Amino acid sequence: MIFTAIDFETATAYRDSICQVGIVRVADGRTVEEVCHLVRPPNNYYRRDFTDKIHHISATDTAQAPTFDEVWPLISPFIEGQVVVAHNGFRFDFVCLRQALARYGLPEPRYEKRCTLSIYGKSLQDLCEGYHIELSHHQALSDARACALLYQRALERGLL
């Protein structure tokens, strides 16, 4: 099976304020590609508590980064027509994607959505602690790696 695990970080509570995206592509149980991009959110504006207490990404980090519409051509092949997995995806990551695409007038692609929170019913941090998965929480690539490992585990254990 081939799937993409994805994670977004946002600069504010607005879901279209993506400031980082992490992607992990898995094929036949092996990670075959990883991608991480900083993204300049709208007006390069950050809520201070998001920077200080959540992901530690700031306006300085993304001042020269591409905007979401510029990153989209690089990440869309991992999403369009794919199985895409996110932790809390239905309430956060898939919403971020939809709203960011709408902000830039880009059509939402068709893809199959899967959510490891729906599968396991626990937070990403708790699952990683319980399954001894390395996690730098709220760093998009680390969260996507953890999500990929959890989804692969669910596949192997027949939980899906």
C-alpha atoms as a PDB file:
ATOM      1  CA  MET A   1       0.000   0.000   0.000  1.00  0.00           C
ATOM      2  CA  ILE A   2       1.090   3.562  -0.733  1.00  0.00           C
ATOM      3  CA  PHE A   3       0.002   6.454   1.464  1.00  0.00           C
ATOM      4  CA  THR A   4       1.052   9.956   2.463  1.00  0.00           C
ATOM      5  CA  ALA A   5       1.187  11.145   6.056  1.00  0.00           C
ATOM      6  CA  ILE A   6       0.862  14.903   6.385  1.00  0.00           C
ATOM      7  CA  ASP A   7       1.023  17.497   9.126  1.00  0.00           C
ATOM      8  CA  PHE A   8       0.460  21.237   9.079  1.00  0.00           C
ATOM      9  CA  GLU A   9       1.494  23.855  11.596  1.00  0.00           C
ATOM     10  CA  THR A  10      -0.329  27.176  11.635  1.00  0.00           C
ATOM     11  CA  ALA A  11       0.737  30.670  12.644  1.00  0.00           C
ATOM     12  CA  THR A  12      -2.623  31.519  14.227  1.00  0.00           C
ATOM     13  CA  ALA A  13      -5.894  29.818  15.093  1.00  0.00           C
ATOM     14  CA  TYR A  14      -7.040  30.408  11.516  1.00  0.00           C
ATOM     15  CA  ARG A  15      -6.637  27.141   9.657  1.00  0.00           C
ATOM     16  CA  ASP A  16      -5.453  28.866   6.455  1.00  0.00           C
ATOM     17  CA  SER A  17      -2.419  30.338   8.259  1.00  0.00           C
ATOM     18  CA  ILE A  18      -0.155  27.396   7.393  1.00  0.00           C
ATOM     19  CA  CYS A  19       3.475  28.064   8.311  1.00  0.00           C
ATOM     20  CA  GLN A  20       4.954  24.578   7.917  1.00  0.00           C
ATOM     21  CA  VAL A  21       4.049  21.352   6.163  1.00  0.00           C
ATOM     22  CA  GLY A  22       5.620  17.951   6.726  1.00  0.00           C
ATOM     23  CA  ILE A  23       5.017  15.028   4.381  1.00  0.00           C
ATOM     24  CA  VAL A  24       6.047  11.382   4.596  1.00  0.00           C
ATOM     25  CA  ARG A  25       5.367   9.014   1.684  1.00  0.00           C
ATOM     26  CA  VAL A  26       5.191   5.313   2.551  1.00  0.00           C
ATOM     27  CA  ALA A  27       5.166   2.488   0.007  1.00  0.00           C
ATOM     28  CA  ASP A  28       5.016  -1.181   0.942  1.00  0.00           C
ATOM     29  CA  GLY A  29       5.765  -0.440   4.584  1.00  0.00           C
ATOM     30  CA  ARG A  30       8.862   1.693   3.903  1.00  0.00           C
ATOM     31  CA  THR A  31       9.330   5.435   3.989  1.00  0.00           C
ATOM     32  CA  VAL A  32      10.318   6.370   0.451  1.00  0.00           C
ATOM     33  CA  GLU A  33      10.255  10.159   0.646  1.00  0.00           C
ATOM     34  CA  GLU A  34      10.082  12.951   3.192  1.00  0.00           C
ATOM     35  CA  VAL A  35       9.402  16.608   2.490  1.00  0.00           C
ATOM     36  CA  CYS A  36       9.235  19.586   4.816  1.00  0.00           C
ATOM     37  CA  HIS A  37       8.560  23.192   3.827  1.00  0.00           C
ATOM     38  CA  LEU A  38       8.326  26.384   5.768  1.00  0.00           C
ATOM     39  CA  VAL A  39       5.445  28.457   4.409  1.00  0.00           C
ATOM     40  CA  ARG A  40       4.949  32.201   4.766  1.00  0.00           C
ATOM     41  CA  PRO A  41       1.470  32.604   6.267  1.00  0.00           C
ATOM     42  CA  PRO A  42      -0.818  35.469   5.224  1.00  0.00           C
ATOM     43  CA  ASN A  43       0.903  38.782   6.027  1.00  0.00           C
ATOM     44  CA  ASN A  44       3.617  36.670   7.717  1.00  0.00           C
ATOM     45  CA  TYR A  45       1.640  37.202  10.912  1.00  0.00           C
ATOM     46  CA  TYR A  46       2.048  34.931  13.954  1.00  0.00           C
ATOM     47  CA  ARG A  47       0.236  34.800  17.239  1.00  0.00           C
ATOM     48  CA  ARG A  48       2.956  35.066  19.829  1.00  0.00           C
ATOM     49  CA  ASP A  49       1.684  32.100  21.874  1.00  0.00           C
ATOM     50  CA  PHE A  50       1.847  29.850  18.790  1.00  0.00           C
ATOM     51  CA  THR A  51       5.503  30.777  18.348  1.00  0.00           C
ATOM     52  CA  ASP A  52       6.406  30.709  22.042  1.00  0.00           C
ATOM     53  CA  LYS A  53       4.388  27.723  23.257  1.00  0.00           C
ATOM     54  CA  ILE A  54       3.570  25.489  20.295  1.00  0.00           C
ATOM     55  CA  HIS A  55       5.926  25.197  17.333  1.00  0.00           C
ATOM     56  CA  HIS A  56       8.561  27.929  17.866  1.00  0.00           C
ATOM     57  CA  ILE A  57       8.324  29.054  14.232  1.00  0.00           C
ATOM     58  CA  SER A  58       8.348  32.827  13.837  1.00  0.00           C
ATOM     59  CA  ALA A  59       7.931  35.524  11.209  1.00  0.00           C
ATOM     60  CA  THR A  60      11.720  35.716  10.965  1.00  0.00           C
ATOM     61  CA  ASP A  61      11.828  32.035   9.958  1.00  0.00           C
ATOM     62  CA  THR A  62       9.286  32.463   7.179  1.00  0.00           C
ATOM     63  CA  ALA A  63      10.073  35.992   5.952  1.00  0.00           C
ATOM     64  CA  GLN A  64      11.668  34.607   2.773  1.00  0.00           C
ATOM     65  CA  ALA A  65       9.618  31.402   2.583  1.00  0.00           C
ATOM     66  CA  PRO A  66       7.153  30.791  -0.246  1.00  0.00           C
ATOM     67  CA  THR A  67       3.437  31.327   0.312  1.00  0.00           C
ATOM     68  CA  PHE A  68       1.090  28.356   0.292  1.00  0.00           C
ATOM     69  CA  ASP A  69       0.112  28.836  -3.349  1.00  0.00           C
ATOM     70  CA  GLU A  70       3.810  28.665  -4.249  1.00  0.00           C
ATOM     71  CA  VAL A  71       4.338  25.487  -2.187  1.00  0.00           C
ATOM     72  CA  TRP A  72       1.190  23.783  -3.487  1.00  0.00           C
ATOM     73  CA  PRO A  73       2.724  22.574  -6.803  1.00  0.00           C
ATOM     74  CA  LEU A  74       5.491  20.886  -4.786  1.00  0.00           C
ATOM     75  CA  ILE A  75       3.178  19.059  -2.383  1.00  0.00           C
ATOM     76  CA  SER A  76       0.099  18.397  -4.517  1.00  0.00           C
ATOM     77  CA  PRO A  77       1.541  15.190  -6.066  1.00  0.00           C
ATOM     78  CA  PHE A  78       1.642  13.715  -2.551  1.00  0.00           C
ATOM     79  CA  ILE A  79      -2.054  14.516  -2.035  1.00  0.00           C
ATOM     80  CA  GLU A  80      -3.988  14.437  -5.301  1.00  0.00           C
ATOM     81  CA  GLY A  81      -5.563  11.002  -5.833  1.00  0.00           C
ATOM     82  CA  GLN A  82      -3.714   9.590  -2.820  1.00  0.00           C
ATOM     83  CA  VAL A  83      -4.540   8.076   0.542  1.00  0.00           C
ATOM     84  CA  VAL A  84      -3.605  10.888   2.948  1.00  0.00           C
ATOM     85  CA  VAL A  85      -3.272  10.291   6.671  1.00  0.00           C
ATOM     86  CA  ALA A  86      -3.142  12.899   9.429  1.00  0.00           C
ATOM     87  CA  HIS A  87      -3.541  12.833  13.179  1.00  0.00           C
ATOM     88  CA  ASN A  88      -6.730  14.763  13.996  1.00  0.00           C
ATOM     89  CA  GLY A  89      -7.012  15.286  10.250  1.00  0.00           C
ATOM     90  CA  PHE A  90     -10.773  15.736  10.092  1.00  0.00           C
ATOM     91  CA  ARG A  91     -10.705  18.581  12.614  1.00  0.00           C
ATOM     92  CA  PHE A  92      -7.367  20.149  11.712  1.00  0.00           C
ATOM     93  CA  ASP A  93      -5.060  19.124   8.844  1.00  0.00           C
ATOM     94  CA  PHE A  94      -7.661  18.438   6.155  1.00  0.00           C
ATOM     95  CA  VAL A  95      -9.416  21.664   7.171  1.00  0.00           C
ATOM     96  CA  CYS A  96      -6.110  23.561   6.921  1.00  0.00           C
ATOM     97  CA  LEU A  97      -5.583  22.237   3.433  1.00  0.00           C
ATOM     98  CA  ARG A  98      -9.114  23.067   2.282  1.00  0.00           C
ATOM     99  CA  GLN A  99      -9.023  26.587   3.736  1.00  0.00           C
ATOM    100  CA  ALA A 100      -5.532  27.405   2.437  1.00  0.00           C
ATOM    101  CA  LEU A 101      -6.505  26.255  -1.049  1.00  0.00           C
ATOM    102  CA  ALA A 102      -9.677  28.372  -0.865  1.00  0.00           C
ATOM    103  CA  ARG A 103      -7.696  31.439   0.284  1.00  0.00           C
ATOM    104  CA  TYR A 104      -5.598  31.249  -2.880  1.00  0.00           C
ATOM    105  CA  GLY A 105      -8.458  30.283  -5.188  1.00  0.00           C
ATOM    106  CA  LEU A 106      -7.076  26.794  -5.798  1.00  0.00           C
ATOM    107  CA  PRO A 107      -9.401  23.815  -6.250  1.00  0.00           C
ATOM    108  CA  GLU A 108      -9.398  21.112  -3.603  1.00  0.00           C
ATOM    109  CA  PRO A 109      -8.166  17.830  -5.073  1.00  0.00           C
ATOM    110  CA  ARG A 110      -9.802  14.481  -4.601  1.00  0.00           C
ATOM    111  CA  TYR A 111      -8.024  12.271  -2.099  1.00  0.00           C
ATOM    112  CA  GLU A 112      -8.876   9.638   0.503  1.00  0.00           C
ATOM    113  CA  LYS A 113      -8.731  10.977   4.055  1.00  0.00           C
ATOM    114  CA  ARG A 114      -7.600   8.826   6.971  1.00  0.00           C
ATOM    115  CA  CYS A 115      -7.120   9.900  10.577  1.00  0.00           C
ATOM    116  CA  THR A 116      -4.976   8.168  13.186  1.00  0.00           C
ATOM    117  CA  LEU A 117      -6.862   9.941  15.985  1.00  0.00           C
ATOM    118  CA  SER A 118     -10.033   8.243  14.713  1.00  0.00           C
ATOM    119  CA  ILE A 119      -8.220   4.888  14.655  1.00  0.00           C
ATOM    120  CA  TYR A 120      -6.556   5.052  18.059  1.00  0.00           C
ATOM    121  CA  GLY A 121      -8.614   7.621  20.005  1.00  0.00           C
ATOM    122  CA  LYS A 122      -5.568   9.090  21.752  1.00  0.00           C
ATOM    123  CA  SER A 123      -3.353  12.132  21.314  1.00  0.00           C
ATOM    124  CA  LEU A 124      -0.295  11.875  19.101  1.00  0.00           C
ATOM    125  CA  GLN A 125       1.964  12.555  22.068  1.00  0.00           C
ATOM    126  CA  ASP A 126       0.357   9.812  24.184  1.00  0.00           C
ATOM    127  CA  LEU A 127       0.546   7.305  21.325  1.00  0.00           C
ATOM    128  CA  CYS A 128       4.192   8.089  20.676  1.00  0.00           C
ATOM    129  CA  GLU A 129       5.024   7.672  24.348  1.00  0.00           C
ATOM    130  CA  GLY A 130       3.089   4.400  24.518  1.00  0.00           C
ATOM    131  CA  TYR A 131       4.640   2.953  21.350  1.00  0.00           C
ATOM    132  CA  HIS A 132       8.123   4.432  21.898  1.00  0.00           C
ATOM    133  CA  ILE A 133       8.013   6.545  18.755  1.00  0.00           C
ATOM    134  CA  GLU A 134      10.397   9.489  18.634  1.00  0.00           C
ATOM    135  CA  LEU A 135       8.494  12.776  18.470  1.00  0.00           C
ATOM    136  CA  SER A 136       9.406  16.456  18.385  1.00  0.00           C
ATOM    137  CA  HIS A 137       5.791  17.486  18.777  1.00  0.00           C
ATOM    138  CA  HIS A 138       4.547  20.363  16.611  1.00  0.00           C
ATOM    139  CA  GLN A 139       7.435  20.083  14.194  1.00  0.00           C
ATOM    140  CA  ALA A 140       5.550  19.136  11.042  1.00  0.00           C
ATOM    141  CA  LEU A 141       7.944  16.499   9.693  1.00  0.00           C
ATOM    142  CA  SER A 142       8.270  14.793  13.070  1.00  0.00           C
ATOM    143  CA  ASP A 143       4.488  14.714  13.504  1.00  0.00           C
ATOM    144  CA  ALA A 144       4.045  13.350   9.964  1.00  0.00           C
ATOM    145  CA  ARG A 145       6.675  10.630  10.620  1.00  0.00           C
ATOM    146  CA  ALA A 146       4.882   9.587  13.805  1.00  0.00           C
ATOM    147  CA  CYS A 147       1.536   9.547  12.027  1.00  0.00           C
ATOM    148  CA  ALA A 148       3.002   7.399   9.233  1.00  0.00           C
ATOM    149  CA  LEU A 149       4.382   4.894  11.748  1.00  0.00           C
ATOM    150  CA  LEU A 150       1.063   4.713  13.589  1.00  0.00           C
ATOM    151  CA  TYR A 151      -0.917   4.233  10.382  1.00  0.00           C
ATOM    152  CA  GLN A 152       1.504   1.534   9.194  1.00  0.00           C
ATOM    153  CA  ARG A 153       1.148  -0.175  12.574  1.00  0.00           C
ATOM    154  CA  ALA A 154      -2.655  -0.092  12.232  1.00  0.00           C
ATOM    155  CA  LEU A 155      -2.405  -1.598   8.734  1.00  0.00           C
ATOM    156  CA  GLU A 156      -0.117  -4.389   9.933  1.00  0.00           C
ATOM    157  CA  ARG A 157      -2.358  -5.197  12.908  1.00  0.00           C
ATOM    158  CA  GLY A 158      -5.505  -5.251  10.817  1.00  0.00           C
ATOM    159  CA  LEU A 159      -7.106  -2.332  12.658  1.00  0.00           C
ATOM    160  CA  LEU A 160      -8.448  -0.831   9.431  1.00  0.00           C
END
